[in-house]
Amino acid sequence: AFELDEIVGGLGGGLEFDTRDNFLDARRGMDLIATGTWFGPSLGGDESFALFDIQGLFYGQPTQRWGYGLRVDAGLSSGDPPFFEKPSLQMRGLPATKYLNNAILLGEAELRYSLDSRWTLLGFGGGGRVADTWHDLDDASGVFAGGAGFRYLMAPQLGLGSGLDFAWGPGGEFAFYMQMGSAWR
């Protein structure tokens, strides 16, 4: 049996600039987040390492029926983090933590079409790269995934929709997701 005996202790902080019209399921605006976390023995952990992440979410609604979302995410670790703390590609259609390393870069887009005031269809897709260092991302292979889904506006006063997403990843891997609000956090 595999046994993991690791103590992780850290201290971090972040900055956020949020202009979204609804933090549950935005239609317009943006959300920019930058975080940094430092770990080490002086903070109660076994190993010294650091994690940094910058994420941008951008939303637009050019017409009453058509809308879009764009997401970019960059993550970097320094030192020797345990595998479960390394940055990873987190996107619909990719298995959790399958694509992880010390540096990641990801981009994803979503296109929405409102059938009426409650039902919305959407298509999404994106890709990313993982590498040992930030400079190695140029030579890293791309990983792509995409799919389609729908939302039903179940709480109009909150702007909260729920629905299903069906996604395909590398090699035709299939996954479905039950969503409440935006797929991006």
N, C-alpha and C. Protein backbone atom coordinates (compact mmCIF):
# COMPACT_ATOMS: atom_id res chain seq x y z
N ALA A 1 0.84 -1.17 0.00
CA ALA A 1 0.00 0.00 0.00
C ALA A 1 0.89 1.24 0.00
N PHE A 2 0.44 2.25 -0.69
CA PHE A 2 1.16 3.52 -0.79
C PHE A 2 0.82 4.38 0.41
N GLU A 3 1.84 4.89 1.07
CA GLU A 3 1.62 5.76 2.22
C GLU A 3 2.33 7.08 1.98
N LEU A 4 1.64 8.16 2.21
CA LEU A 4 2.19 9.50 2.02
C LEU A 4 2.24 10.18 3.37
N ASP A 5 3.44 10.55 3.78
CA ASP A 5 3.62 11.22 5.05
C ASP A 5 4.26 12.57 4.77
N GLU A 6 3.44 13.56 4.51
CA GLU A 6 3.92 14.89 4.11
C GLU A 6 3.12 15.93 4.88
N ILE A 7 3.81 16.87 5.49
CA ILE A 7 3.15 17.99 6.16
C ILE A 7 3.40 19.22 5.32
N VAL A 8 2.32 19.92 4.97
CA VAL A 8 2.40 21.11 4.13
C VAL A 8 1.87 22.29 4.94
N GLY A 9 2.70 23.31 5.07
CA GLY A 9 2.28 24.52 5.78
C GLY A 9 2.73 25.73 4.99
N GLY A 10 1.82 26.68 4.78
CA GLY A 10 2.17 27.83 3.96
C GLY A 10 1.39 29.07 4.32
N LEU A 11 1.80 30.17 3.68
CA LEU A 11 1.16 31.46 3.85
C LEU A 11 1.08 32.12 2.48
N GLY A 12 -0.07 32.64 2.16
CA GLY A 12 -0.23 33.23 0.83
C GLY A 12 -1.13 34.43 0.84
N GLY A 13 -1.23 35.02 -0.34
CA GLY A 13 -2.10 36.17 -0.52
C GLY A 13 -2.45 36.32 -1.98
N GLY A 14 -3.37 37.21 -2.23
CA GLY A 14 -3.79 37.42 -3.60
C GLY A 14 -4.43 38.76 -3.80
N LEU A 15 -4.53 39.11 -5.07
CA LEU A 15 -5.23 40.33 -5.49
C LEU A 15 -6.28 39.95 -6.50
N GLU A 16 -7.43 40.63 -6.44
CA GLU A 16 -8.51 40.34 -7.38
C GLU A 16 -9.15 41.65 -7.83
N PHE A 17 -9.44 41.70 -9.13
CA PHE A 17 -10.17 42.82 -9.72
C PHE A 17 -11.35 42.22 -10.46
N ASP A 18 -12.57 42.50 -9.99
CA ASP A 18 -13.77 41.82 -10.48
C ASP A 18 -14.82 42.83 -10.92
N THR A 19 -15.19 42.82 -12.20
CA THR A 19 -16.25 43.68 -12.71
C THR A 19 -17.43 42.87 -13.25
N ARG A 20 -17.48 41.57 -12.96
CA ARG A 20 -18.56 40.72 -13.48
C ARG A 20 -19.93 41.19 -13.00
N ASP A 21 -20.92 41.02 -13.86
CA ASP A 21 -22.28 41.40 -13.48
C ASP A 21 -22.91 40.39 -12.53
N ASN A 22 -22.35 39.18 -12.43
CA ASN A 22 -22.88 38.16 -11.54
C ASN A 22 -21.76 37.17 -11.24
N PHE A 23 -21.36 37.04 -9.99
CA PHE A 23 -20.24 36.15 -9.68
C PHE A 23 -20.63 34.67 -9.77
N LEU A 24 -21.92 34.35 -9.80
CA LEU A 24 -22.35 32.96 -9.93
C LEU A 24 -22.30 32.48 -11.38
N ASP A 25 -22.71 33.33 -12.32
CA ASP A 25 -22.81 32.95 -13.72
C ASP A 25 -22.81 34.22 -14.57
N ALA A 26 -21.63 34.78 -14.79
CA ALA A 26 -21.50 36.10 -15.42
C ALA A 26 -21.89 36.10 -16.90
N ARG A 27 -22.33 37.24 -17.37
CA ARG A 27 -22.62 37.49 -18.79
C ARG A 27 -21.73 38.62 -19.33
N ARG A 28 -21.31 39.52 -18.45
CA ARG A 28 -20.46 40.66 -18.85
C ARG A 28 -19.43 40.93 -17.76
N GLY A 29 -18.29 41.45 -18.17
CA GLY A 29 -17.27 41.86 -17.21
C GLY A 29 -16.06 40.95 -17.23
N MET A 30 -15.20 41.18 -16.24
CA MET A 30 -13.99 40.37 -16.13
C MET A 30 -13.63 40.15 -14.67
N ASP A 31 -12.81 39.13 -14.46
CA ASP A 31 -12.31 38.80 -13.13
C ASP A 31 -10.84 38.44 -13.28
N LEU A 32 -9.96 39.27 -12.72
CA LEU A 32 -8.52 39.05 -12.78
C LEU A 32 -8.03 38.70 -11.38
N ILE A 33 -7.29 37.58 -11.27
CA ILE A 33 -6.84 37.10 -9.97
C ILE A 33 -5.36 36.75 -10.05
N ALA A 34 -4.57 37.22 -9.09
CA ALA A 34 -3.16 36.84 -8.97
C ALA A 34 -2.94 36.38 -7.53
N THR A 35 -2.36 35.18 -7.38
CA THR A 35 -2.11 34.64 -6.04
C THR A 35 -0.67 34.14 -5.92
N GLY A 36 -0.17 34.16 -4.73
CA GLY A 36 1.14 33.61 -4.40
C GLY A 36 1.08 32.98 -3.03
N THR A 37 1.68 31.80 -2.90
CA THR A 37 1.70 31.10 -1.62
C THR A 37 3.09 30.54 -1.39
N TRP A 38 3.63 30.75 -0.20
CA TRP A 38 4.96 30.29 0.16
C TRP A 38 4.82 29.23 1.26
N PHE A 39 5.57 28.14 1.11
CA PHE A 39 5.52 27.01 2.03
C PHE A 39 6.92 26.76 2.59
N GLY A 40 6.98 26.24 3.80
CA GLY A 40 8.29 25.90 4.35
C GLY A 40 8.23 25.48 5.80
N PRO A 41 9.37 25.03 6.31
CA PRO A 41 9.45 24.59 7.71
C PRO A 41 9.07 25.69 8.71
N SER A 42 9.41 26.95 8.40
CA SER A 42 9.06 28.03 9.32
C SER A 42 7.55 28.28 9.37
N LEU A 43 6.81 27.70 8.38
CA LEU A 43 5.36 27.84 8.35
C LEU A 43 4.66 26.52 8.71
N GLY A 44 5.42 25.56 9.22
CA GLY A 44 4.84 24.30 9.70
C GLY A 44 4.92 23.14 8.72
N GLY A 45 5.56 23.32 7.58
CA GLY A 45 5.63 22.25 6.59
C GLY A 45 6.98 21.56 6.56
N ASP A 46 7.06 20.50 5.75
CA ASP A 46 8.30 19.74 5.60
C ASP A 46 9.23 20.31 4.54
N GLU A 47 8.67 20.86 3.47
CA GLU A 47 9.46 21.30 2.32
C GLU A 47 9.27 22.79 2.06
N SER A 48 10.30 23.40 1.42
CA SER A 48 10.22 24.81 1.02
C SER A 48 9.91 24.89 -0.47
N PHE A 49 8.81 25.56 -0.81
CA PHE A 49 8.44 25.78 -2.21
C PHE A 49 7.44 26.92 -2.27
N ALA A 50 7.17 27.36 -3.49
CA ALA A 50 6.20 28.46 -3.69
C ALA A 50 5.33 28.16 -4.88
N LEU A 51 4.10 28.66 -4.85
CA LEU A 51 3.13 28.51 -5.95
C LEU A 51 2.62 29.89 -6.34
N PHE A 52 2.53 30.14 -7.65
CA PHE A 52 2.01 31.40 -8.17
C PHE A 52 0.99 31.09 -9.25
N ASP A 53 -0.08 31.89 -9.30
CA ASP A 53 -1.11 31.68 -10.32
C ASP A 53 -1.69 33.03 -10.73
N ILE A 54 -1.91 33.17 -12.02
CA ILE A 54 -2.60 34.34 -12.57
C ILE A 54 -3.71 33.82 -13.45
N GLN A 55 -4.94 34.29 -13.22
CA GLN A 55 -6.09 33.85 -14.00
C GLN A 55 -6.90 35.05 -14.43
N GLY A 56 -7.40 35.00 -15.65
CA GLY A 56 -8.29 36.02 -16.17
C GLY A 56 -9.53 35.39 -16.77
N LEU A 57 -10.69 35.88 -16.36
CA LEU A 57 -11.98 35.45 -16.92
C LEU A 57 -12.61 36.68 -17.57
N PHE A 58 -13.04 36.54 -18.82
CA PHE A 58 -13.60 37.66 -19.58
C PHE A 58 -14.93 37.23 -20.18
N TYR A 59 -15.96 38.05 -20.00
CA TYR A 59 -17.30 37.72 -20.47
C TYR A 59 -17.88 38.86 -21.30
N GLY A 60 -18.65 38.49 -22.31
CA GLY A 60 -19.32 39.49 -23.12
C GLY A 60 -20.66 38.97 -23.61
N GLN A 61 -21.58 39.87 -23.89
CA GLN A 61 -22.92 39.54 -24.38
C GLN A 61 -23.23 40.51 -25.51
N PRO A 62 -22.65 40.28 -26.73
CA PRO A 62 -22.81 41.24 -27.83
C PRO A 62 -24.27 41.43 -28.27
N THR A 63 -25.07 40.37 -28.21
CA THR A 63 -26.49 40.48 -28.55
C THR A 63 -27.30 39.83 -27.43
N GLN A 64 -28.60 39.93 -27.53
CA GLN A 64 -29.45 39.35 -26.50
C GLN A 64 -29.32 37.82 -26.47
N ARG A 65 -29.09 37.21 -27.63
CA ARG A 65 -29.00 35.74 -27.72
C ARG A 65 -27.58 35.19 -27.61
N TRP A 66 -26.60 35.92 -28.12
CA TRP A 66 -25.22 35.41 -28.19
C TRP A 66 -24.34 35.99 -27.08
N GLY A 67 -23.55 35.11 -26.46
CA GLY A 67 -22.59 35.53 -25.45
C GLY A 67 -21.34 34.67 -25.51
N TYR A 68 -20.30 35.14 -24.86
CA TYR A 68 -19.05 34.39 -24.87
C TYR A 68 -18.33 34.55 -23.54
N GLY A 69 -17.40 33.64 -23.32
CA GLY A 69 -16.50 33.71 -22.18
C GLY A 69 -15.11 33.27 -22.63
N LEU A 70 -14.10 33.90 -22.07
CA LEU A 70 -12.71 33.55 -22.35
C LEU A 70 -11.99 33.39 -21.02
N ARG A 71 -11.13 32.40 -20.96
CA ARG A 71 -10.38 32.14 -19.73
C ARG A 71 -8.91 31.89 -20.06
N VAL A 72 -8.02 32.52 -19.34
CA VAL A 72 -6.59 32.25 -19.43
C VAL A 72 -6.08 31.97 -18.01
N ASP A 73 -5.16 31.04 -17.91
CA ASP A 73 -4.64 30.65 -16.60
C ASP A 73 -3.16 30.30 -16.75
N ALA A 74 -2.32 30.84 -15.90
CA ALA A 74 -0.90 30.52 -15.89
C ALA A 74 -0.50 30.20 -14.46
N GLY A 75 0.17 29.07 -14.28
CA GLY A 75 0.61 28.65 -12.95
C GLY A 75 2.08 28.29 -12.96
N LEU A 76 2.74 28.55 -11.84
CA LEU A 76 4.17 28.29 -11.74
C LEU A 76 4.50 27.88 -10.31
N SER A 77 5.37 26.89 -10.17
CA SER A 77 5.86 26.52 -8.85
C SER A 77 7.37 26.62 -8.85
N SER A 78 7.93 26.91 -7.68
CA SER A 78 9.38 26.94 -7.53
C SER A 78 9.74 26.07 -6.33
N GLY A 79 10.98 25.65 -6.27
CA GLY A 79 11.37 24.73 -5.22
C GLY A 79 10.99 23.32 -5.62
N ASP A 80 10.63 22.51 -4.66
CA ASP A 80 10.28 21.11 -4.92
C ASP A 80 8.94 20.78 -4.26
N PRO A 81 7.83 21.23 -4.87
CA PRO A 81 6.53 20.95 -4.26
C PRO A 81 6.16 19.48 -4.39
N PRO A 82 5.38 18.95 -3.44
CA PRO A 82 4.87 17.58 -3.62
C PRO A 82 3.95 17.55 -4.84
N PHE A 83 3.80 16.38 -5.43
CA PHE A 83 3.03 16.27 -6.68
C PHE A 83 1.62 16.83 -6.55
N PHE A 84 0.99 16.70 -5.41
CA PHE A 84 -0.39 17.14 -5.26
C PHE A 84 -0.52 18.66 -5.12
N GLU A 85 0.58 19.37 -5.04
CA GLU A 85 0.55 20.84 -4.98
C GLU A 85 0.97 21.49 -6.29
N LYS A 86 1.50 20.72 -7.24
CA LYS A 86 1.98 21.29 -8.51
C LYS A 86 0.81 21.84 -9.32
N PRO A 87 1.06 22.90 -10.10
CA PRO A 87 0.01 23.41 -10.99
C PRO A 87 -0.42 22.34 -12.00
N SER A 88 -1.69 22.31 -12.34
CA SER A 88 -2.20 21.34 -13.31
C SER A 88 -3.23 22.00 -14.22
N LEU A 89 -3.41 21.41 -15.40
CA LEU A 89 -4.43 21.89 -16.33
C LEU A 89 -5.79 21.44 -15.79
N GLN A 90 -6.65 22.39 -15.51
CA GLN A 90 -8.00 22.10 -15.02
C GLN A 90 -8.99 22.65 -16.03
N MET A 91 -9.55 21.74 -16.83
CA MET A 91 -10.45 22.14 -17.91
C MET A 91 -11.42 20.98 -18.17
N ARG A 92 -12.64 21.31 -18.55
CA ARG A 92 -13.61 20.28 -18.88
C ARG A 92 -13.05 19.39 -19.99
N GLY A 93 -13.09 18.09 -19.79
CA GLY A 93 -12.58 17.13 -20.76
C GLY A 93 -11.22 16.56 -20.41
N LEU A 94 -10.54 17.15 -19.43
CA LEU A 94 -9.23 16.64 -19.01
C LEU A 94 -9.35 15.98 -17.64
N PRO A 95 -8.75 14.80 -17.47
CA PRO A 95 -8.77 14.17 -16.14
C PRO A 95 -8.04 15.05 -15.13
N ALA A 96 -8.57 15.12 -13.94
CA ALA A 96 -7.98 15.95 -12.88
C ALA A 96 -6.56 15.48 -12.58
N THR A 97 -5.64 16.39 -12.50
CA THR A 97 -4.22 16.21 -12.16
C THR A 97 -3.44 15.30 -13.11
N LYS A 98 -3.99 14.95 -14.27
CA LYS A 98 -3.22 14.13 -15.22
C LYS A 98 -2.11 14.97 -15.86
N TYR A 99 -2.40 16.23 -16.13
CA TYR A 99 -1.44 17.11 -16.78
C TYR A 99 -0.94 18.14 -15.77
N LEU A 100 0.12 17.78 -15.06
CA LEU A 100 0.67 18.68 -14.05
C LEU A 100 2.19 18.69 -14.15
N ASN A 101 2.76 19.82 -13.77
CA ASN A 101 4.20 20.00 -13.73
C ASN A 101 4.46 21.32 -13.02
N ASN A 102 5.66 21.86 -13.14
CA ASN A 102 6.01 23.10 -12.45
C ASN A 102 5.49 24.35 -13.13
N ALA A 103 5.12 24.25 -14.42
CA ALA A 103 4.60 25.42 -15.15
C ALA A 103 3.45 24.98 -16.04
N ILE A 104 2.37 25.76 -16.03
CA ILE A 104 1.22 25.47 -16.91
C ILE A 104 0.75 26.76 -17.56
N LEU A 105 0.16 26.60 -18.73
CA LEU A 105 -0.48 27.71 -19.43
C LEU A 105 -1.72 27.16 -20.10
N LEU A 106 -2.86 27.80 -19.91
CA LEU A 106 -4.14 27.28 -20.39
C LEU A 106 -4.98 28.41 -20.97
N GLY A 107 -5.70 28.12 -22.03
CA GLY A 107 -6.67 29.04 -22.60
C GLY A 107 -7.94 28.28 -22.97
N GLU A 108 -9.10 28.87 -22.68
CA GLU A 108 -10.37 28.21 -22.96
C GLU A 108 -11.39 29.26 -23.38
N ALA A 109 -12.26 28.88 -24.32
CA ALA A 109 -13.32 29.77 -24.77
C ALA A 109 -14.66 29.06 -24.69
N GLU A 110 -15.71 29.86 -24.49
CA GLU A 110 -17.07 29.33 -24.42
C GLU A 110 -17.98 30.24 -25.22
N LEU A 111 -18.82 29.67 -26.05
CA LEU A 111 -19.80 30.42 -26.84
C LEU A 111 -21.19 29.98 -26.40
N ARG A 112 -22.06 30.96 -26.07
CA ARG A 112 -23.40 30.67 -25.57
C ARG A 112 -24.46 31.20 -26.53
N TYR A 113 -25.55 30.43 -26.66
CA TYR A 113 -26.69 30.88 -27.45
C TYR A 113 -27.96 30.65 -26.63
N SER A 114 -28.69 31.73 -26.33
CA SER A 114 -29.92 31.64 -25.54
C SER A 114 -31.10 31.31 -26.45
N LEU A 115 -31.73 30.17 -26.21
CA LEU A 115 -32.93 29.78 -26.98
C LEU A 115 -34.12 30.64 -26.59
N ASP A 116 -34.23 30.93 -25.29
CA ASP A 116 -35.29 31.80 -24.77
C ASP A 116 -34.78 32.38 -23.45
N SER A 117 -35.65 32.87 -22.60
CA SER A 117 -35.20 33.52 -21.37
C SER A 117 -34.65 32.54 -20.33
N ARG A 118 -34.86 31.24 -20.53
CA ARG A 118 -34.41 30.26 -19.53
C ARG A 118 -33.41 29.24 -20.06
N TRP A 119 -33.48 28.85 -21.33
CA TRP A 119 -32.63 27.79 -21.87
C TRP A 119 -31.49 28.37 -22.72
N THR A 120 -30.28 27.85 -22.46
CA THR A 120 -29.09 28.29 -23.18
C THR A 120 -28.28 27.07 -23.62
N LEU A 121 -27.82 27.10 -24.88
CA LEU A 121 -26.90 26.09 -25.38
C LEU A 121 -25.50 26.68 -25.38
N LEU A 122 -24.50 25.83 -25.19
CA LEU A 122 -23.13 26.35 -25.21
C LEU A 122 -22.17 25.33 -25.79
N GLY A 123 -21.11 25.87 -26.40
CA GLY A 123 -20.00 25.08 -26.89
C GLY A 123 -18.72 25.64 -26.28
N PHE A 124 -17.75 24.79 -26.01
CA PHE A 124 -16.53 25.24 -25.36
C PHE A 124 -15.35 24.43 -25.87
N GLY A 125 -14.19 25.01 -25.75
CA GLY A 125 -12.97 24.31 -26.13
C GLY A 125 -11.76 25.10 -25.71
N GLY A 126 -10.66 24.40 -25.62
CA GLY A 126 -9.43 25.07 -25.23
C GLY A 126 -8.26 24.13 -25.23
N GLY A 127 -7.15 24.66 -24.79
CA GLY A 127 -5.94 23.85 -24.74
C GLY A 127 -4.95 24.43 -23.77
N GLY A 128 -3.95 23.63 -23.49
CA GLY A 128 -2.92 24.07 -22.56
C GLY A 128 -1.63 23.31 -22.76
N ARG A 129 -0.64 23.73 -22.02
CA ARG A 129 0.67 23.11 -22.05
C ARG A 129 1.20 23.00 -20.63
N VAL A 130 1.97 21.95 -20.38
CA VAL A 130 2.66 21.79 -19.09
C VAL A 130 4.13 21.55 -19.37
N ALA A 131 4.99 22.04 -18.48
CA ALA A 131 6.43 21.86 -18.64
C ALA A 131 7.12 21.96 -17.29
N ASP A 132 8.39 21.58 -17.27
CA ASP A 132 9.17 21.62 -16.04
C ASP A 132 9.52 23.06 -15.63
N THR A 133 9.76 23.92 -16.65
CA THR A 133 10.04 25.33 -16.36
C THR A 133 9.21 26.21 -17.28
N TRP A 134 9.09 27.48 -16.93
CA TRP A 134 8.32 28.43 -17.74
C TRP A 134 8.87 28.52 -19.15
N HIS A 135 10.21 28.48 -19.29
CA HIS A 135 10.85 28.61 -20.61
C HIS A 135 10.64 27.38 -21.48
N ASP A 136 10.35 26.24 -20.87
CA ASP A 136 10.13 25.00 -21.63
C ASP A 136 8.72 24.90 -22.21
N LEU A 137 7.82 25.82 -21.85
CA LEU A 137 6.44 25.75 -22.36
C LEU A 137 6.40 25.89 -23.88
N ASP A 138 7.33 26.64 -24.47
CA ASP A 138 7.35 26.81 -25.93
C ASP A 138 7.50 25.48 -26.66
N ASP A 139 8.27 24.57 -26.09
CA ASP A 139 8.54 23.29 -26.73
C ASP A 139 7.60 22.18 -26.29
N ALA A 140 6.74 22.45 -25.32
CA ALA A 140 5.84 21.41 -24.79
C ALA A 140 4.70 21.14 -25.77
N SER A 141 4.23 19.91 -25.75
CA SER A 141 3.09 19.52 -26.59
C SER A 141 1.81 20.11 -26.04
N GLY A 142 0.90 20.45 -26.93
CA GLY A 142 -0.39 20.97 -26.52
C GLY A 142 -1.36 19.86 -26.17
N VAL A 143 -2.25 20.14 -25.23
CA VAL A 143 -3.31 19.23 -24.82
C VAL A 143 -4.62 19.97 -25.06
N PHE A 144 -5.56 19.35 -25.80
CA PHE A 144 -6.79 20.04 -26.18
C PHE A 144 -8.01 19.25 -25.73
N ALA A 145 -9.09 19.98 -25.43
CA ALA A 145 -10.36 19.37 -25.05
C ALA A 145 -11.48 20.34 -25.43
N GLY A 146 -12.69 19.81 -25.57
CA GLY A 146 -13.84 20.65 -25.89
C GLY A 146 -15.13 19.88 -25.77
N GLY A 147 -16.22 20.57 -25.99
CA GLY A 147 -17.51 19.90 -25.89
C GLY A 147 -18.68 20.87 -26.01
N ALA A 148 -19.82 20.42 -25.52
CA ALA A 148 -21.06 21.19 -25.61
C ALA A 148 -21.90 20.93 -24.36
N GLY A 149 -22.84 21.81 -24.13
CA GLY A 149 -23.71 21.65 -22.97
C GLY A 149 -24.92 22.54 -23.04
N PHE A 150 -25.68 22.56 -21.97
CA PHE A 150 -26.87 23.41 -21.87
C PHE A 150 -27.03 23.88 -20.44
N ARG A 151 -27.75 24.98 -20.29
CA ARG A 151 -28.08 25.51 -18.97
C ARG A 151 -29.58 25.86 -18.93
N TYR A 152 -30.17 25.68 -17.76
CA TYR A 152 -31.53 26.10 -17.49
C TYR A 152 -31.47 27.11 -16.35
N LEU A 153 -32.02 28.29 -16.57
CA LEU A 153 -32.01 29.35 -15.56
C LEU A 153 -33.04 28.99 -14.49
N MET A 154 -32.55 28.36 -13.42
CA MET A 154 -33.47 27.88 -12.39
C MET A 154 -33.78 28.92 -11.32
N ALA A 155 -32.92 29.92 -11.17
CA ALA A 155 -33.15 30.97 -10.18
C ALA A 155 -32.95 32.32 -10.87
N PRO A 156 -33.98 32.81 -11.59
CA PRO A 156 -33.84 34.06 -12.35
C PRO A 156 -33.44 35.26 -11.48
N GLN A 157 -33.94 35.34 -10.25
CA GLN A 157 -33.61 36.46 -9.39
C GLN A 157 -32.13 36.47 -9.01
N LEU A 158 -31.46 35.32 -9.05
CA LEU A 158 -30.03 35.23 -8.77
C LEU A 158 -29.18 35.14 -10.03
N GLY A 159 -29.82 34.91 -11.18
CA GLY A 159 -29.09 34.71 -12.42
C GLY A 159 -28.34 33.39 -12.41
N LEU A 160 -28.87 32.39 -11.72
CA LEU A 160 -28.19 31.11 -11.53
C LEU A 160 -28.79 30.03 -12.43
N GLY A 161 -27.96 29.48 -13.29
CA GLY A 161 -28.37 28.39 -14.15
C GLY A 161 -27.69 27.09 -13.76
N SER A 162 -28.31 25.98 -14.16
CA SER A 162 -27.70 24.68 -13.95
C SER A 162 -27.90 23.86 -15.21
N GLY A 163 -27.06 22.86 -15.38
CA GLY A 163 -27.18 22.03 -16.57
C GLY A 163 -26.07 21.01 -16.66
N LEU A 164 -25.88 20.48 -17.87
CA LEU A 164 -24.89 19.45 -18.11
C LEU A 164 -23.92 19.90 -19.19
N ASP A 165 -22.66 19.49 -19.05
CA ASP A 165 -21.64 19.69 -20.07
C ASP A 165 -21.11 18.32 -20.47
N PHE A 166 -20.92 18.11 -21.76
CA PHE A 166 -20.37 16.87 -22.30
C PHE A 166 -19.05 17.23 -22.99
N ALA A 167 -17.95 16.61 -22.55
CA ALA A 167 -16.63 17.03 -23.02
C ALA A 167 -15.82 15.83 -23.52
N TRP A 168 -14.96 16.12 -24.48
CA TRP A 168 -14.05 15.12 -25.03
C TRP A 168 -12.63 15.66 -24.91
N GLY A 169 -11.72 14.80 -24.45
CA GLY A 169 -10.33 15.18 -24.29
C GLY A 169 -9.44 14.43 -25.26
N PRO A 170 -8.15 14.45 -25.00
CA PRO A 170 -7.19 13.77 -25.88
C PRO A 170 -7.52 12.29 -26.00
N GLY A 171 -7.39 11.78 -27.21
CA GLY A 171 -7.66 10.36 -27.43
C GLY A 171 -9.13 10.01 -27.36
N GLY A 172 -10.02 10.98 -27.40
CA GLY A 172 -11.45 10.71 -27.37
C GLY A 172 -12.00 10.42 -25.99
N GLU A 173 -11.24 10.72 -24.92
CA GLU A 173 -11.74 10.52 -23.57
C GLU A 173 -13.01 11.34 -23.38
N PHE A 174 -14.03 10.73 -22.76
CA PHE A 174 -15.32 11.40 -22.58
C PHE A 174 -15.58 11.63 -21.10
N ALA A 175 -16.19 12.78 -20.80
CA ALA A 175 -16.62 13.09 -19.43
C ALA A 175 -17.85 13.96 -19.50
N PHE A 176 -18.71 13.85 -18.50
CA PHE A 176 -19.83 14.79 -18.40
C PHE A 176 -19.81 15.41 -17.01
N TYR A 177 -20.32 16.65 -16.97
CA TYR A 177 -20.27 17.45 -15.76
C TYR A 177 -21.65 18.00 -15.46
N MET A 178 -22.06 17.91 -14.20
CA MET A 178 -23.27 18.58 -13.75
C MET A 178 -22.83 19.94 -13.22
N GLN A 179 -23.31 21.00 -13.83
CA GLN A 179 -22.85 22.35 -13.49
C GLN A 179 -23.93 23.13 -12.76
N MET A 180 -23.49 23.91 -11.81
CA MET A 180 -24.35 24.86 -11.13
C MET A 180 -23.60 26.20 -11.25
N GLY A 181 -24.11 27.10 -12.05
CA GLY A 181 -23.41 28.35 -12.29
C GLY A 181 -22.32 28.14 -13.32
N SER A 182 -21.34 29.01 -13.29
CA SER A 182 -20.25 28.96 -14.27
C SER A 182 -19.35 27.75 -14.03
N ALA A 183 -18.79 27.23 -15.09
CA ALA A 183 -17.83 26.12 -14.98
C ALA A 183 -16.48 26.62 -14.51
N TRP A 184 -16.26 27.92 -14.54
CA TRP A 184 -14.97 28.52 -14.18
C TRP A 184 -15.08 29.17 -12.82
N ARG A 185 -14.12 28.93 -11.99
CA ARG A 185 -14.09 29.53 -10.65
C ARG A 185 -12.85 30.37 -10.51
